[in-house]
Protein backbone atom coordinates (compact mmCIF):
# COMPACT_ATOMS: atom_id res chain seq x y z
CA MET A 1 190.23 143.49 105.44
CA GLU A 2 190.83 147.17 106.24
CA ILE A 3 193.88 149.17 105.06
CA LYS A 4 194.68 150.05 108.70
CA GLU A 5 195.30 146.36 109.34
CA CYS A 6 197.76 146.12 106.42
CA PHE A 7 201.08 147.48 105.18
CA LEU A 8 201.85 148.70 101.75
CA LEU A 9 203.91 146.05 99.94
CA GLY A 10 204.11 147.58 96.47
CA MET A 11 202.20 148.14 93.32
CA ILE A 12 200.93 146.52 90.11
CA THR A 13 202.87 148.53 87.58
CA LYS A 14 201.64 147.25 84.19
CA PRO A 15 200.36 144.31 82.14
CA TYR A 16 202.88 141.76 80.95
CA GLY A 17 202.00 140.23 77.65
CA TYR A 18 198.43 139.76 76.56
CA LYS A 19 197.19 136.82 78.76
CA GLY A 20 196.48 138.72 81.95
CA ASP A 21 199.90 138.70 83.56
CA VAL A 22 200.96 141.78 85.47
CA VAL A 23 204.25 143.22 86.62
CA PHE A 24 204.29 143.38 90.36
CA PHE A 25 206.81 145.76 92.13
CA VAL A 26 207.69 144.93 95.74
CA ASP A 27 208.85 148.01 97.64
CA ALA A 28 211.06 146.20 100.23
CA ASP A 29 214.69 145.98 101.17
CA GLU A 30 214.59 142.27 100.62
CA PRO A 31 211.97 141.51 98.03
CA HIS A 32 212.96 137.80 97.87
CA GLN A 33 211.16 137.43 101.24
CA TYR A 34 207.93 137.53 99.20
CA ASP A 35 208.86 134.85 96.60
CA ASN A 36 206.34 132.39 97.99
CA LEU A 37 203.24 134.52 98.52
CA GLU A 38 199.90 132.84 97.97
CA SER A 39 197.81 135.98 97.85
CA ILE A 40 197.79 139.78 98.04
CA TRP A 41 195.27 142.48 98.65
CA ILE A 42 194.86 145.09 95.90
CA GLU A 43 193.37 148.52 96.54
CA THR A 44 190.49 149.23 94.18
CA SER A 45 187.77 152.01 94.14
CA THR A 46 185.64 149.65 96.32
CA GLY A 47 188.38 148.93 98.94
CA LEU A 48 190.87 146.08 99.30
CA VAL A 49 190.20 143.03 97.24
CA PRO A 50 192.06 139.70 97.76
CA PHE A 51 193.75 138.14 94.72
CA PHE A 52 195.33 134.68 94.63
CA PHE A 53 198.43 133.90 92.59
CA GLN A 54 198.25 131.24 89.83
CA SER A 55 201.88 131.94 89.23
CA LEU A 56 204.59 134.26 90.57
CA ARG A 57 208.16 134.53 89.16
CA LYS A 58 211.07 136.87 89.48
CA HIS A 59 211.61 139.25 86.57
CA SER A 60 214.65 141.48 86.90
CA ASP A 61 214.01 143.50 90.09
CA ARG A 62 210.24 142.82 90.03
CA PHE A 63 207.84 139.90 89.69
CA VAL A 64 205.50 138.68 86.97
CA ALA A 65 202.30 137.38 88.29
CA HIS A 66 199.22 135.70 87.04
CA LEU A 67 196.31 136.41 89.34
CA GLU A 68 193.23 134.17 89.49
CA GLY A 69 190.40 135.86 87.48
CA VAL A 70 192.69 138.14 85.51
CA ASP A 71 192.90 136.47 82.12
CA THR A 72 193.11 139.31 79.54
CA GLU A 73 195.34 142.24 78.86
CA ALA A 74 192.34 144.60 79.52
CA GLU A 75 191.76 143.11 82.94
CA ALA A 76 195.37 143.41 83.78
CA GLN A 77 195.46 147.02 82.57
CA ARG A 78 192.66 147.88 85.05
CA LEU A 79 194.93 146.84 87.86
CA SER A 80 197.89 148.97 86.62
CA GLY A 81 198.86 151.52 89.23
CA CYS A 82 196.95 149.88 92.04
CA LYS A 83 198.63 149.58 95.38
CA VAL A 84 199.24 146.14 96.78
CA TYR A 85 198.88 145.33 100.54
CA LEU A 86 199.49 142.47 102.92
CA PRO A 87 198.18 142.05 106.48
CA GLU A 88 200.54 143.40 109.13
CA LYS A 89 200.41 140.06 110.87
CA LEU A 90 202.65 138.76 108.11
CA LEU A 91 205.48 141.14 109.11
CA ALA A 92 208.34 139.60 110.94
CA PRO A 93 208.71 140.84 114.53
CA LEU A 94 211.52 143.30 115.07
CA ASN A 95 213.76 144.05 118.01
CA GLU A 96 213.74 147.24 119.98
CA SER A 97 216.31 148.95 117.77
CA SER A 98 214.35 148.40 114.51
CA PHE A 99 211.02 149.53 113.09
CA TYR A 100 209.08 149.42 109.89
CA PHE A 101 208.85 152.74 108.25
CA HIS A 102 205.10 152.68 107.84
CA GLU A 103 204.51 152.12 111.60
CA ALA A 104 206.41 155.22 112.78
CA LYS A 105 203.82 157.69 111.36
CA GLY A 106 202.20 159.39 114.34
CA TRP A 107 204.87 158.30 116.84
CA THR A 108 206.62 160.79 119.13
CA LEU A 109 210.32 161.42 118.47
CA HIS A 110 212.23 161.59 121.73
CA ASP A 111 215.84 162.88 121.92
CA LEU A 112 217.98 160.64 124.17
CA GLU A 113 220.62 163.46 124.42
CA THR A 114 218.30 166.03 126.06
CA GLN A 115 215.71 163.59 127.34
CA SER A 116 212.94 165.66 125.73
CA ASP A 117 210.23 165.07 123.18
CA VAL A 118 210.99 166.62 119.79
CA GLY A 119 207.61 166.30 117.94
CA THR A 120 205.44 163.98 116.00
CA ILE A 121 206.82 161.84 113.11
CA GLU A 122 204.84 162.64 109.99
CA ARG A 123 206.58 160.05 107.72
CA VAL A 124 209.81 158.40 106.94
CA LEU A 125 211.53 159.33 103.70
CA ASP A 126 213.79 156.65 102.11
CA HIS A 127 215.29 158.24 99.10
CA GLY A 128 219.01 158.79 99.89
CA ALA A 129 221.89 157.18 101.61
CA TYR A 130 219.83 156.62 104.76
CA PRO A 131 216.23 157.24 105.86
CA LEU A 132 215.01 160.61 107.09
CA LEU A 133 212.33 161.21 109.66
CA GLU A 134 209.99 164.11 108.76
CA VAL A 135 208.90 165.46 112.19
CA ASP A 136 206.39 168.14 113.06
CA CYS A 137 207.96 170.16 115.87
CA ASP A 138 205.43 172.78 117.04
CA GLY A 139 204.42 173.48 113.38
CA LYS A 140 207.94 173.49 112.00
CA GLU A 141 209.27 170.67 109.79
CA VAL A 142 212.41 169.01 111.00
CA LEU A 143 214.24 166.42 108.99
CA VAL A 144 216.22 163.91 111.13
CA PRO A 145 218.63 161.59 109.39
CA LEU A 146 218.89 158.00 110.57
CA PRO A 147 222.27 156.57 109.61
CA ASP A 148 223.01 153.07 110.89
CA HIS A 149 225.32 154.20 113.74
CA LEU A 150 222.70 156.38 115.36
CA GLU A 151 221.48 155.02 118.69
CA LEU A 152 217.75 154.40 118.71
CA ILE A 153 215.22 152.66 120.96
CA VAL A 154 211.72 151.69 119.69
CA GLU A 155 208.81 151.62 122.17
CA ARG A 156 206.05 150.29 119.93
CA ASP A 157 203.35 150.07 122.59
CA ALA A 158 203.92 153.66 123.66
CA GLY A 159 204.38 154.98 120.09
CA VAL A 160 207.76 156.49 120.83
CA LEU A 161 210.97 156.44 118.86
CA LYS A 162 214.03 157.48 120.99
CA VAL A 163 216.93 158.63 119.10
CA ARG A 164 220.33 160.16 120.20
CA LEU A 165 220.22 163.20 117.95
CA PRO A 166 223.45 164.83 116.82
CA VAL A 167 224.21 167.92 118.92
CA GLY A 168 223.01 171.09 117.14
CA LEU A 169 220.67 169.32 114.63
CA LEU A 170 217.53 170.84 116.09
CA ASP A 171 219.16 174.30 116.35
CA VAL A 172 219.41 174.37 112.54
CA TYR A 173 215.65 174.20 112.33
CA LEU A 174 214.43 175.76 115.59
CA ARG A 175 216.81 178.59 116.47
CA PRO A 176 216.59 181.81 114.54
CA SER A 177 219.79 182.84 112.92
CA GLU A 178 221.28 186.29 112.83
CA ASN A 179 220.29 186.55 109.21
CA ASP A 180 216.55 185.98 109.76
CA GLU A 181 216.08 189.75 110.20
CA GLY A 182 216.74 190.30 106.50
CA PRO A 183 219.69 191.52 104.53
CA ASP A 184 222.01 194.23 105.89
CA GLU A 185 221.64 197.21 103.58
CA ASN A 186 225.14 198.34 104.50
CA ALA A 187 226.82 194.95 103.82
CA SER A 188 229.39 194.91 101.15
CA TRP A 189 229.99 192.06 98.71
CA GLU A 190 233.57 192.99 98.18
């Protein structure tokens, strides 16, 4: 299995106890969707390696897992910090107004308001109230917020995300302001 055929599901964070159990963090909006997994792919120095669950149970906002062949604390410690993947074919299909964040990298962002291409999506940041698209627009970084009410159309096969951008958003990043020439030496702070 190649990483390009997979999506990042989460990470093995640390050992749990001394019998080889690990704490498994699932980075998903609805981690309960993964309650019944039979196996995962863990990224090691040699590539992706399949591991099968002997047990998997909820533990707070994470899982505690016992993986086949991992029977000591030392073996579990070696997996700490390793990324966990699943094949993309296990993802549920989405409609044309939704997308998985990982799949948008490299897509073209198109503005429905101006009917023009904005740039290439570098990544999706999901750290605040709503996701942000980081877009390369002719060498300039543009951050595009994606609140729920924003109109968007996903064209997966074409690799295009069409969004009705708020008027003036791109001007903040792409239009030079009057202050870009430097400070006015005659300006007064009074």
